[in-house]
C-alpha atoms as a PDB file:
ATOM      1  CA  UNK A   1      -9.586 -84.354  55.024  1.00  0.00           C
ATOM      2  CA  UNK A   2      -8.598 -86.687  52.261  1.00  0.00           C
ATOM      3  CA  UNK A   3      -5.732 -88.488  51.012  1.00  0.00           C
ATOM      4  CA  UNK A   4      -5.092 -86.504  48.314  1.00  0.00           C
ATOM      5  CA  UNK A   5      -6.933 -83.084  49.218  1.00  0.00           C
ATOM      6  CA  UNK A   6      -9.039 -81.471  51.892  1.00  0.00           C
ATOM      7  CA  UNK A   7     -12.322 -80.043  50.342  1.00  0.00           C
ATOM      8  CA  UNK A   8     -15.111 -78.171  52.616  1.00  0.00           C
ATOM      9  CA  UNK A   9     -18.422 -76.615  52.844  1.00  0.00           C
ATOM     10  CA  UNK A  10     -19.662 -73.868  54.839  1.00  0.00           C
ATOM     11  CA  UNK A  11     -23.313 -74.274  55.302  1.00  0.00           C
ATOM     12  CA  UNK A  12     -25.523 -71.446  56.801  1.00  0.00           C
ATOM     13  CA  UNK A  13     -29.396 -71.599  56.662  1.00  0.00           C
ATOM     14  CA  UNK A  14     -29.506 -75.173  55.741  1.00  0.00           C
ATOM     15  CA  UNK A  15     -27.690 -74.376  52.205  1.00  0.00           C
ATOM     16  CA  UNK A  16     -24.131 -74.376  51.187  1.00  0.00           C
ATOM     17  CA  UNK A  17     -22.961 -71.113  51.275  1.00  0.00           C
ATOM     18  CA  UNK A  18     -19.349 -71.531  50.199  1.00  0.00           C
ATOM     19  CA  UNK A  19     -17.120 -74.128  49.145  1.00  0.00           C
ATOM     20  CA  UNK A  20     -13.554 -74.828  49.704  1.00  0.00           C
ATOM     21  CA  UNK A  21     -10.856 -76.852  48.278  1.00  0.00           C
ATOM     22  CA  UNK A  22      -6.908 -77.276  49.191  1.00  0.00           C
ATOM     23  CA  UNK A  23      -4.610 -79.615  47.494  1.00  0.00           C
ATOM     24  CA  UNK A  24      -3.189 -81.323  50.323  1.00  0.00           C
ATOM     25  CA  UNK A  25      -4.176 -83.641  52.185  1.00  0.00           C
ATOM     26  CA  UNK A  26      -3.794 -87.256  54.559  1.00  0.00           C
ATOM     27  CA  UNK A  27      -0.723 -88.837  51.930  1.00  0.00           C
ATOM     28  CA  UNK A  28       1.434 -85.622  52.685  1.00  0.00           C
ATOM     29  CA  UNK A  29       1.275 -86.324  56.144  1.00  0.00           C
ATOM     30  CA  UNK A  30       2.853 -89.627  55.178  1.00  0.00           C
ATOM     31  CA  UNK A  31       5.439 -88.220  53.112  1.00  0.00           C
ATOM     32  CA  UNK A  32       6.458 -85.885  55.717  1.00  0.00           C
ATOM     33  CA  UNK A  33       7.169 -89.006  58.157  1.00  0.00           C
ATOM     34  CA  UNK A  34       8.637 -90.898  55.444  1.00  0.00           C
ATOM     35  CA  UNK A  35      11.187 -88.380  54.366  1.00  0.00           C
ATOM     36  CA  UNK A  36      11.970 -86.967  57.904  1.00  0.00           C
ATOM     37  CA  UNK A  37      12.214 -90.453  59.828  1.00  0.00           C
ATOM     38  CA  UNK A  38      14.123 -92.274  56.440  1.00  0.00           C
ATOM     39  CA  UNK A  39      11.413 -94.941  56.343  1.00  0.00           C
ATOM     40  CA  UNK A  40       9.556 -96.057  53.342  1.00  0.00           C
ATOM     41  CA  UNK A  41       6.134 -94.869  52.501  1.00  0.00           C
ATOM     42  CA  UNK A  42       4.303 -98.237  53.448  1.00  0.00           C
ATOM     43  CA  UNK A  43       6.045 -97.854  57.081  1.00  0.00           C
ATOM     44  CA  UNK A  44       5.540 -93.892  57.368  1.00  0.00           C
ATOM     45  CA  UNK A  45       1.672 -94.863  56.429  1.00  0.00           C
ATOM     46  CA  UNK A  46       1.665 -97.997  58.716  1.00  0.00           C
ATOM     47  CA  UNK A  47       3.230 -95.566  61.606  1.00  0.00           C
ATOM     48  CA  UNK A  48       0.818 -92.809  61.198  1.00  0.00           C
ATOM     49  CA  UNK A  49      -2.401 -95.576  61.339  1.00  0.00           C
ATOM     50  CA  UNK A  50      -0.995 -97.416  64.084  1.00  0.00           C
ATOM     51  CA  UNK A  51       1.061 -94.905  66.241  1.00  0.00           C
ATOM     52  CA  UNK A  52      -0.004 -91.428  65.049  1.00  0.00           C
ATOM     53  CA  UNK A  53      -1.120 -88.274  67.022  1.00  0.00           C
ATOM     54  CA  UNK A  54      -1.874 -84.559  65.641  1.00  0.00           C
ATOM     55  CA  UNK A  55      -0.864 -83.671  69.349  1.00  0.00           C
ATOM     56  CA  UNK A  56       2.268 -84.347  70.949  1.00  0.00           C
ATOM     57  CA  UNK A  57       1.033 -83.086  74.149  1.00  0.00           C
ATOM     58  CA  UNK A  58      -1.398 -86.105  74.355  1.00  0.00           C
ATOM     59  CA  UNK A  59       1.524 -88.816  74.210  1.00  0.00           C
ATOM     60  CA  UNK A  60       3.784 -89.469  76.824  1.00  0.00           C
ATOM     61  CA  UNK A  61       7.225 -88.979  76.977  1.00  0.00           C
ATOM     62  CA  UNK A  62       7.923 -92.368  77.475  1.00  0.00           C
ATOM     63  CA  UNK A  63       6.166 -93.508  74.718  1.00  0.00           C
ATOM     64  CA  UNK A  64       7.996 -95.152  71.895  1.00  0.00           C
ATOM     65  CA  UNK A  65       7.384 -96.806  68.344  1.00  0.00           C
ATOM     66  CA  UNK A  66       9.653 -99.286  66.356  1.00  0.00           C
ATOM     67  CA  UNK A  67      10.522 -97.709  63.150  1.00  0.00           C
ATOM     68  CA  UNK A  68      12.055 -99.495  60.329  1.00  0.00           C
ATOM     69  CA  UNK A  69      14.412 -97.375  58.386  1.00  0.00           C
ATOM     70  CA  UNK A  70      15.348 -97.547  54.599  1.00  0.00           C
ATOM     71  CA  UNK A  71      18.369 -99.991  54.612  1.00  0.00           C
ATOM     72  CA  UNK A  72      18.060-101.366  57.820  1.00  0.00           C
ATOM     73  CA  UNK A  73      16.895-104.756  58.837  1.00  0.00           C
ATOM     74  CA  UNK A  74      16.006-104.585  62.457  1.00  0.00           C
ATOM     75  CA  UNK A  75      13.522-101.910  64.035  1.00  0.00           C
ATOM     76  CA  UNK A  76      14.910 -99.045  65.635  1.00  0.00           C
ATOM     77  CA  UNK A  77      12.924 -97.721  68.658  1.00  0.00           C
ATOM     78  CA  UNK A  78      11.864 -93.805  68.342  1.00  0.00           C
ATOM     79  CA  UNK A  79      10.043 -91.172  71.137  1.00  0.00           C
ATOM     80  CA  UNK A  80       6.473 -91.525  69.708  1.00  0.00           C
ATOM     81  CA  UNK A  81       6.008 -88.116  70.536  1.00  0.00           C
ATOM     82  CA  UNK A  82       8.639 -87.064  67.468  1.00  0.00           C
ATOM     83  CA  UNK A  83       6.034 -88.853  65.367  1.00  0.00           C
ATOM     84  CA  UNK A  84       3.507 -86.715  66.663  1.00  0.00           C
ATOM     85  CA  UNK A  85       5.603 -83.279  66.039  1.00  0.00           C
ATOM     86  CA  UNK A  86       5.614 -84.281  62.571  1.00  0.00           C
ATOM     87  CA  UNK A  87       1.888 -84.910  62.112  1.00  0.00           C
ATOM     88  CA  UNK A  88       0.768 -81.736  63.803  1.00  0.00           C
ATOM     89  CA  UNK A  89       3.042 -79.687  61.663  1.00  0.00           C
ATOM     90  CA  UNK A  90       1.158 -80.749  58.622  1.00  0.00           C
ATOM     91  CA  UNK A  91      -2.280 -80.950  59.989  1.00  0.00           C
ATOM     92  CA  UNK A  92      -1.800 -77.406  61.424  1.00  0.00           C
ATOM     93  CA  UNK A  93      -0.415 -76.318  57.951  1.00  0.00           C
ATOM     94  CA  UNK A  94      -3.823 -77.925  56.517  1.00  0.00           C
ATOM     95  CA  UNK A  95      -6.025 -76.078  58.910  1.00  0.00           C
ATOM     96  CA  UNK A  96      -4.279 -72.854  58.659  1.00  0.00           C
ATOM     97  CA  UNK A  97      -4.891 -73.252  54.654  1.00  0.00           C
ATOM     98  CA  UNK A  98      -8.312 -73.805  55.041  1.00  0.00           C
ATOM     99  CA  UNK A  99      -8.830 -71.084  57.233  1.00  0.00           C
ATOM    100  CA  UNK A 100      -7.135 -68.660  54.880  1.00  0.00           C
ATOM    101  CA  UNK A 101      -9.255 -70.132  52.047  1.00  0.00           C
ATOM    102  CA  UNK A 102     -12.530 -69.190  53.655  1.00  0.00           C
ATOM    103  CA  UNK A 103     -10.734 -65.618  54.323  1.00  0.00           C
ATOM    104  CA  UNK A 104     -10.330 -65.303  50.719  1.00  0.00           C
ATOM    105  CA  UNK A 105     -14.207 -65.940  50.419  1.00  0.00           C
ATOM    106  CA  UNK A 106     -14.987 -63.414  52.920  1.00  0.00           C
ATOM    107  CA  UNK A 107     -15.914 -65.880  55.700  1.00  0.00           C
ATOM    108  CA  UNK A 108     -13.948 -64.650  59.166  1.00  0.00           C
ATOM    109  CA  UNK A 109     -16.308 -66.283  61.639  1.00  0.00           C
ATOM    110  CA  UNK A 110     -17.653 -70.118  61.745  1.00  0.00           C
ATOM    111  CA  UNK A 111     -21.027 -70.728  61.935  1.00  0.00           C
ATOM    112  CA  UNK A 112     -22.233 -71.520  65.620  1.00  0.00           C
ATOM    113  CA  UNK A 113     -22.276 -75.511  64.114  1.00  0.00           C
ATOM    114  CA  UNK A 114     -18.603 -75.699  64.324  1.00  0.00           C
ATOM    115  CA  UNK A 115     -16.272 -78.064  62.160  1.00  0.00           C
ATOM    116  CA  UNK A 116     -17.202 -81.281  61.337  1.00  0.00           C
ATOM    117  CA  UNK A 117     -14.301 -83.713  60.409  1.00  0.00           C
ATOM    118  CA  UNK A 118     -14.697 -86.434  57.620  1.00  0.00           C
ATOM    119  CA  UNK A 119     -12.365 -88.537  55.878  1.00  0.00           C
ATOM    120  CA  UNK A 120      -9.012 -90.683  56.167  1.00  0.00           C
ATOM    121  CA  UNK A 121      -7.334 -87.676  57.984  1.00  0.00           C
ATOM    122  CA  UNK A 122      -9.690 -87.184  60.547  1.00  0.00           C
ATOM    123  CA  UNK A 123      -9.143 -90.573  61.654  1.00  0.00           C
ATOM    124  CA  UNK A 124      -5.416 -89.353  63.596  1.00  0.00           C
ATOM    125  CA  UNK A 125      -5.901 -88.690  67.226  1.00  0.00           C
ATOM    126  CA  UNK A 126      -6.325 -85.370  68.161  1.00  0.00           C
ATOM    127  CA  UNK A 127      -6.676 -83.685  64.757  1.00  0.00           C
ATOM    128  CA  UNK A 128     -10.111 -82.058  65.447  1.00  0.00           C
ATOM    129  CA  UNK A 129      -8.065 -80.059  68.715  1.00  0.00           C
ATOM    130  CA  UNK A 130      -5.466 -78.806  65.856  1.00  0.00           C
ATOM    131  CA  UNK A 131      -8.298 -77.619  63.831  1.00  0.00           C
ATOM    132  CA  UNK A 132      -9.784 -76.018  67.227  1.00  0.00           C
ATOM    133  CA  UNK A 133      -6.815 -74.101  68.077  1.00  0.00           C
ATOM    134  CA  UNK A 134      -6.156 -72.911  64.395  1.00  0.00           C
ATOM    135  CA  UNK A 135      -9.760 -71.668  64.130  1.00  0.00           C
ATOM    136  CA  UNK A 136     -10.126 -70.639  67.796  1.00  0.00           C
ATOM    137  CA  UNK A 137     -13.011 -72.890  68.415  1.00  0.00           C
ATOM    138  CA  UNK A 138     -14.301 -75.717  70.972  1.00  0.00           C
ATOM    139  CA  UNK A 139     -16.025 -78.619  69.798  1.00  0.00           C
ATOM    140  CA  UNK A 140     -14.785 -79.767  66.498  1.00  0.00           C
ATOM    141  CA  UNK A 141     -15.385 -83.349  65.729  1.00  0.00           C
ATOM    142  CA  UNK A 142     -14.912 -86.182  63.763  1.00  0.00           C
ATOM    143  CA  UNK A 143     -18.437 -87.395  61.723  1.00  0.00           C
ATOM    144  CA  UNK A 144     -18.818 -90.756  60.839  1.00  0.00           C
ATOM    145  CA  UNK A 145     -20.956 -92.288  58.598  1.00  0.00           C
ATOM    146  CA  UNK A 146     -22.292 -95.988  58.961  1.00  0.00           C
ATOM    147  CA  UNK A 147     -20.318 -98.430  60.932  1.00  0.00           C
ATOM    148  CA  UNK A 148     -18.512 -95.535  62.668  1.00  0.00           C
ATOM    149  CA  UNK A 149     -16.176 -94.906  59.214  1.00  0.00           C
ATOM    150  CA  UNK A 150     -15.411 -91.194  58.978  1.00  0.00           C
ATOM    151  CA  UNK A 151     -14.111 -92.190  55.322  1.00  0.00           C
ATOM    152  CA  UNK A 152     -17.624 -92.731  54.125  1.00  0.00           C
ATOM    153  CA  UNK A 153     -19.559 -89.901  56.164  1.00  0.00           C
ATOM    154  CA  UNK A 154     -19.556 -87.526  52.864  1.00  0.00           C
ATOM    155  CA  UNK A 155     -21.199 -90.140  50.755  1.00  0.00           C
ATOM    156  CA  UNK A 156     -23.878 -91.020  53.599  1.00  0.00           C
ATOM    157  CA  UNK A 157     -24.827 -87.408  53.925  1.00  0.00           C
ATOM    158  CA  UNK A 158     -25.295 -87.086  50.380  1.00  0.00           C
ATOM    159  CA  UNK A 159     -27.157 -89.995  49.915  1.00  0.00           C
ATOM    160  CA  UNK A 160     -29.248 -89.467  53.031  1.00  0.00           C
ATOM    161  CA  UNK A 161     -29.963 -85.736  51.308  1.00  0.00           C
ATOM    162  CA  UNK A 162     -31.192 -87.479  48.233  1.00  0.00           C
ATOM    163  CA  UNK A 163     -33.447 -89.754  50.180  1.00  0.00           C
ATOM    164  CA  UNK A 164     -34.665 -86.988  52.405  1.00  0.00           C
ATOM    165  CA  UNK A 165     -35.071 -84.180  49.607  1.00  0.00           C
ATOM    166  CA  UNK A 166     -38.399 -83.112  48.598  1.00  0.00           C
ATOM    167  CA  UNK A 167     -39.581 -83.923  45.178  1.00  0.00           C
ATOM    168  CA  UNK A 168     -39.380 -80.464  43.895  1.00  0.00           C
ATOM    169  CA  UNK A 169     -35.580 -79.913  45.356  1.00  0.00           C
ATOM    170  CA  UNK A 170     -34.345 -82.593  42.924  1.00  0.00           C
ATOM    171  CA  UNK A 171     -36.634 -82.080  40.065  1.00  0.00           C
ATOM    172  CA  UNK A 172     -35.171 -82.129  36.770  1.00  0.00           C
ATOM    173  CA  UNK A 173     -35.373 -80.590  33.828  1.00  0.00           C
ATOM    174  CA  UNK A 174     -35.009 -83.975  31.683  1.00  0.00           C
ATOM    175  CA  UNK A 175     -37.135 -86.882  31.686  1.00  0.00           C
ATOM    176  CA  UNK A 176     -37.012 -87.207  35.600  1.00  0.00           C
ATOM    177  CA  UNK A 177     -35.024 -90.580  34.983  1.00  0.00           C
ATOM    178  CA  UNK A 178     -32.503 -91.152  38.047  1.00  0.00           C
ATOM    179  CA  UNK A 179     -29.338 -90.044  35.947  1.00  0.00           C
ATOM    180  CA  UNK A 180     -31.013 -86.548  35.896  1.00  0.00           C
ATOM    181  CA  UNK A 181     -31.462 -86.691  39.294  1.00  0.00           C
ATOM    182  CA  UNK A 182     -27.983 -87.524  40.155  1.00  0.00           C
ATOM    183  CA  UNK A 183     -26.938 -84.675  37.605  1.00  0.00           C
ATOM    184  CA  UNK A 184     -29.064 -82.299  39.633  1.00  0.00           C
ATOM    185  CA  UNK A 185     -27.903 -83.749  42.690  1.00  0.00           C
ATOM    186  CA  UNK A 186     -24.294 -82.902  41.622  1.00  0.00           C
ATOM    187  CA  UNK A 187     -25.339 -79.195  40.514  1.00  0.00           C
ATOM    188  CA  UNK A 188     -26.808 -78.469  44.159  1.00  0.00           C
ATOM    189  CA  UNK A 189     -23.751 -79.580  45.924  1.00  0.00           C
ATOM    190  CA  UNK A 190     -21.335 -77.420  43.439  1.00  0.00           C
ATOM    191  CA  UNK A 191     -20.216 -80.111  41.090  1.00  0.00           C
ATOM    192  CA  UNK A 192     -21.274 -78.248  38.158  1.00  0.00           C
END
């Protein structure tokens, strides 16, 4: 769940069996908040990061957030649940788009490993529960890289793949230099 897009890979038997791309990411959540609450994009991003949740049912009815709306000089209290409903709506849409893309590719059932979420969008509280509901599974989780950062998990995973790969897995047709190895790794993960 990146800022601009959502990408995914379905693994089967230790290899990528399907890849997917959905042109919607976390910035669309920010845009929704900005438009619906009449705030600047910066204020919407702050609200999302500091008080956001993808599960309104996980937010107490009495909880509130302070919102600075466009053209105003004072913060205004608002129910935090309203913010969570806005976020949940877009996250659910993204999850449905991912499910539809997998269906187009002929995938009707997820492998036993479940769903691992990475990227800045996965930082939102409850996002994994929304994916569980949409995919009708249990146990979706946020995967983190070094230092607990889900934003770095994909890069970290690719580096681990390269570091742990057998020599013949990353063997190149060229001179065997580092650029050829990166190109080979890129082709393995679907970068063409």
